[in-house]
Amino acid sequence: MSTLDATVSMLEAMPEEARIRVFEFTQKLFTSRKPANPFTSVSVKQVASDLAESRQQIAEGKGLNMEDALNELGRNHGFL
């Protein structure tokens, strides 16, 4: 399933009220004069630090299986 197919599938499964909220948010992204990127810039040092922390957590067995994590997010937000 492509990303587009998955996105359409999620939108189709959403209640009408949730689809309207997604539409309104998307509309704001295109009409806002502010940048749409919600992320702040970080330094190379911060990225390296975050990566080291992530690798340590994985080494300690604290990592999550990505498929399980995505399925949980989908269930929590009504996509699955």
N, C-alpha and C. Protein backbone atom coordinates (compact mmCIF):
# COMPACT_ATOMS: atom_id res chain seq x y z
N MET A 1 0.86 -1.18 0.00
CA MET A 1 0.00 0.00 0.00
C MET A 1 0.90 1.23 0.00
N SER A 2 0.64 2.14 -0.91
CA SER A 2 1.43 3.36 -1.00
C SER A 2 1.04 4.32 0.13
N THR A 3 1.86 5.33 0.33
CA THR A 3 1.56 6.34 1.34
C THR A 3 0.24 7.04 1.01
N LEU A 4 0.05 7.33 -0.26
CA LEU A 4 -1.20 7.99 -0.67
C LEU A 4 -2.40 7.09 -0.39
N ASP A 5 -2.30 5.81 -0.73
CA ASP A 5 -3.39 4.87 -0.46
C ASP A 5 -3.68 4.78 1.03
N ALA A 6 -2.62 4.73 1.84
CA ALA A 6 -2.80 4.64 3.29
C ALA A 6 -3.46 5.90 3.83
N THR A 7 -3.05 7.05 3.31
CA THR A 7 -3.62 8.32 3.76
C THR A 7 -5.10 8.40 3.41
N VAL A 8 -5.44 8.04 2.18
CA VAL A 8 -6.84 8.05 1.76
C VAL A 8 -7.65 7.06 2.60
N SER A 9 -7.08 5.91 2.86
CA SER A 9 -7.77 4.91 3.67
C SER A 9 -8.05 5.43 5.08
N MET A 10 -7.06 6.12 5.67
CA MET A 10 -7.25 6.68 7.01
C MET A 10 -8.34 7.75 6.99
N LEU A 11 -8.32 8.61 5.96
CA LEU A 11 -9.33 9.66 5.87
C LEU A 11 -10.72 9.07 5.70
N GLU A 12 -10.84 8.01 4.91
CA GLU A 12 -12.13 7.38 4.70
C GLU A 12 -12.66 6.74 5.98
N ALA A 13 -11.76 6.26 6.84
CA ALA A 13 -12.17 5.59 8.07
C ALA A 13 -12.52 6.59 9.18
N MET A 14 -12.12 7.84 9.02
CA MET A 14 -12.36 8.85 10.06
C MET A 14 -13.83 9.27 10.09
N PRO A 15 -14.30 9.64 11.26
CA PRO A 15 -15.63 10.24 11.34
C PRO A 15 -15.62 11.58 10.58
N GLU A 16 -16.77 12.01 10.12
CA GLU A 16 -16.88 13.25 9.34
C GLU A 16 -16.29 14.44 10.08
N GLU A 17 -16.53 14.55 11.37
CA GLU A 17 -16.02 15.68 12.16
C GLU A 17 -14.49 15.72 12.12
N ALA A 18 -13.85 14.57 12.21
CA ALA A 18 -12.39 14.51 12.17
C ALA A 18 -11.88 14.89 10.79
N ARG A 19 -12.56 14.46 9.73
CA ARG A 19 -12.15 14.83 8.37
C ARG A 19 -12.23 16.33 8.17
N ILE A 20 -13.25 16.95 8.71
CA ILE A 20 -13.40 18.40 8.61
C ILE A 20 -12.24 19.09 9.31
N ARG A 21 -11.86 18.59 10.48
CA ARG A 21 -10.73 19.18 11.22
C ARG A 21 -9.43 19.05 10.43
N VAL A 22 -9.22 17.90 9.78
CA VAL A 22 -8.03 17.71 8.95
C VAL A 22 -8.06 18.69 7.79
N PHE A 23 -9.21 18.83 7.15
CA PHE A 23 -9.35 19.76 6.03
C PHE A 23 -9.05 21.19 6.48
N GLU A 24 -9.61 21.60 7.61
CA GLU A 24 -9.38 22.97 8.10
C GLU A 24 -7.91 23.21 8.42
N PHE A 25 -7.26 22.22 9.03
CA PHE A 25 -5.84 22.35 9.34
C PHE A 25 -5.03 22.47 8.06
N THR A 26 -5.32 21.61 7.08
CA THR A 26 -4.61 21.65 5.81
C THR A 26 -4.81 22.99 5.12
N GLN A 27 -6.03 23.48 5.17
CA GLN A 27 -6.34 24.77 4.55
C GLN A 27 -5.51 25.88 5.20
N LYS A 28 -5.37 25.83 6.51
CA LYS A 28 -4.57 26.85 7.22
C LYS A 28 -3.11 26.80 6.79
N LEU A 29 -2.59 25.59 6.53
CA LEU A 29 -1.20 25.48 6.10
C LEU A 29 -0.97 26.22 4.78
N PHE A 30 -1.95 26.16 3.90
CA PHE A 30 -1.80 26.77 2.59
C PHE A 30 -2.14 28.26 2.57
N THR A 31 -2.89 28.73 3.54
CA THR A 31 -3.28 30.14 3.54
C THR A 31 -2.52 30.96 4.57
N SER A 32 -1.78 30.32 5.43
CA SER A 32 -1.02 31.01 6.47
C SER A 32 0.22 31.67 5.89
N ARG A 33 0.56 32.80 6.41
CA ARG A 33 1.80 33.47 5.99
C ARG A 33 2.99 32.93 6.78
N LYS A 34 2.70 32.19 7.83
CA LYS A 34 3.77 31.60 8.63
C LYS A 34 4.29 30.35 7.92
N PRO A 35 5.53 29.98 8.19
CA PRO A 35 6.03 28.73 7.59
C PRO A 35 5.24 27.54 8.12
N ALA A 36 5.01 26.57 7.25
CA ALA A 36 4.22 25.40 7.63
C ALA A 36 5.02 24.40 8.46
N ASN A 37 6.33 24.51 8.47
CA ASN A 37 7.17 23.56 9.17
C ASN A 37 7.05 23.75 10.69
N PRO A 38 6.51 22.76 11.42
CA PRO A 38 6.34 22.90 12.86
C PRO A 38 7.61 22.60 13.66
N PHE A 39 8.67 22.21 12.97
CA PHE A 39 9.89 21.80 13.66
C PHE A 39 10.88 22.96 13.77
N THR A 40 11.57 23.00 14.87
CA THR A 40 12.59 24.03 15.05
C THR A 40 13.94 23.46 14.61
N SER A 41 14.82 24.33 14.20
CA SER A 41 16.16 23.90 13.80
C SER A 41 16.94 23.42 15.01
N VAL A 42 17.76 22.41 14.80
CA VAL A 42 18.64 21.93 15.86
C VAL A 42 20.05 21.85 15.31
N SER A 43 20.98 21.87 16.22
CA SER A 43 22.39 21.83 15.82
C SER A 43 22.82 20.39 15.53
N VAL A 44 23.94 20.28 14.84
CA VAL A 44 24.52 18.96 14.57
C VAL A 44 24.84 18.28 15.89
N LYS A 45 25.30 19.05 16.86
CA LYS A 45 25.64 18.51 18.19
C LYS A 45 24.39 17.89 18.84
N GLN A 46 23.24 18.56 18.72
CA GLN A 46 21.99 18.04 19.31
C GLN A 46 21.56 16.75 18.61
N VAL A 47 21.66 16.72 17.28
CA VAL A 47 21.30 15.52 16.53
C VAL A 47 22.19 14.36 16.95
N ALA A 48 23.50 14.60 17.07
CA ALA A 48 24.43 13.55 17.48
C ALA A 48 24.12 13.07 18.89
N SER A 49 23.77 13.99 19.78
CA SER A 49 23.42 13.63 21.15
C SER A 49 22.15 12.78 21.19
N ASP A 50 21.14 13.18 20.42
CA ASP A 50 19.89 12.42 20.36
C ASP A 50 20.13 11.02 19.80
N LEU A 51 20.97 10.94 18.77
CA LEU A 51 21.28 9.65 18.17
C LEU A 51 22.01 8.74 19.16
N ALA A 52 22.96 9.30 19.90
CA ALA A 52 23.69 8.52 20.91
C ALA A 52 22.73 7.99 21.98
N GLU A 53 21.80 8.85 22.40
CA GLU A 53 20.81 8.44 23.41
C GLU A 53 19.92 7.32 22.85
N SER A 54 19.48 7.47 21.61
CA SER A 54 18.65 6.46 20.97
C SER A 54 19.37 5.12 20.88
N ARG A 55 20.63 5.17 20.46
CA ARG A 55 21.41 3.93 20.35
C ARG A 55 21.60 3.26 21.71
N GLN A 56 21.77 4.06 22.74
CA GLN A 56 21.92 3.52 24.10
C GLN A 56 20.62 2.83 24.53
N GLN A 57 19.49 3.47 24.26
CA GLN A 57 18.20 2.88 24.62
C GLN A 57 17.97 1.56 23.89
N ILE A 58 18.33 1.52 22.60
CA ILE A 58 18.19 0.28 21.84
C ILE A 58 19.08 -0.81 22.42
N ALA A 59 20.31 -0.45 22.77
CA ALA A 59 21.25 -1.42 23.35
C ALA A 59 20.72 -1.98 24.67
N GLU A 60 19.96 -1.17 25.40
CA GLU A 60 19.39 -1.59 26.68
C GLU A 60 18.05 -2.31 26.50
N GLY A 61 17.64 -2.50 25.26
CA GLY A 61 16.37 -3.20 25.00
C GLY A 61 15.15 -2.33 25.21
N LYS A 62 15.31 -1.02 25.22
CA LYS A 62 14.19 -0.11 25.45
C LYS A 62 13.56 0.38 24.15
N GLY A 63 14.08 -0.08 23.01
CA GLY A 63 13.55 0.36 21.72
C GLY A 63 12.20 -0.26 21.43
N LEU A 64 11.45 0.37 20.55
CA LEU A 64 10.15 -0.14 20.13
C LEU A 64 10.24 -0.72 18.73
N ASN A 65 9.49 -1.77 18.50
CA ASN A 65 9.34 -2.29 17.16
C ASN A 65 8.48 -1.28 16.40
N MET A 66 8.97 -0.76 15.27
CA MET A 66 8.27 0.30 14.56
C MET A 66 6.87 -0.11 14.13
N GLU A 67 6.72 -1.33 13.65
CA GLU A 67 5.39 -1.78 13.22
C GLU A 67 4.42 -1.78 14.40
N ASP A 68 4.87 -2.27 15.55
CA ASP A 68 4.02 -2.27 16.75
C ASP A 68 3.68 -0.84 17.17
N ALA A 69 4.68 0.04 17.13
CA ALA A 69 4.46 1.43 17.53
C ALA A 69 3.45 2.11 16.61
N LEU A 70 3.57 1.90 15.30
CA LEU A 70 2.63 2.51 14.35
C LEU A 70 1.23 1.94 14.51
N ASN A 71 1.13 0.65 14.75
CA ASN A 71 -0.19 0.05 14.97
C ASN A 71 -0.83 0.60 16.23
N GLU A 72 -0.04 0.78 17.28
CA GLU A 72 -0.58 1.36 18.52
C GLU A 72 -1.06 2.78 18.29
N LEU A 73 -0.27 3.58 17.57
CA LEU A 73 -0.71 4.95 17.26
C LEU A 73 -2.01 4.93 16.46
N GLY A 74 -2.09 4.03 15.49
CA GLY A 74 -3.30 3.92 14.69
C GLY A 74 -4.52 3.56 15.53
N ARG A 75 -4.35 2.62 16.45
CA ARG A 75 -5.47 2.24 17.33
C ARG A 75 -5.85 3.39 18.25
N ASN A 76 -4.84 4.07 18.82
CA ASN A 76 -5.11 5.16 19.75
C ASN A 76 -5.82 6.33 19.09
N HIS A 77 -5.58 6.54 17.81
CA HIS A 77 -6.15 7.69 17.12
C HIS A 77 -7.29 7.32 16.17
N GLY A 78 -7.76 6.08 16.27
CA GLY A 78 -8.92 5.65 15.51
C GLY A 78 -8.67 5.37 14.04
N PHE A 79 -7.42 5.16 13.66
CA PHE A 79 -7.13 4.87 12.26
C PHE A 79 -7.25 3.38 11.96
N LEU A 80 -7.12 2.53 12.97
CA LEU A 80 -7.17 1.08 12.78
C LEU A 80 -8.34 0.50 13.54
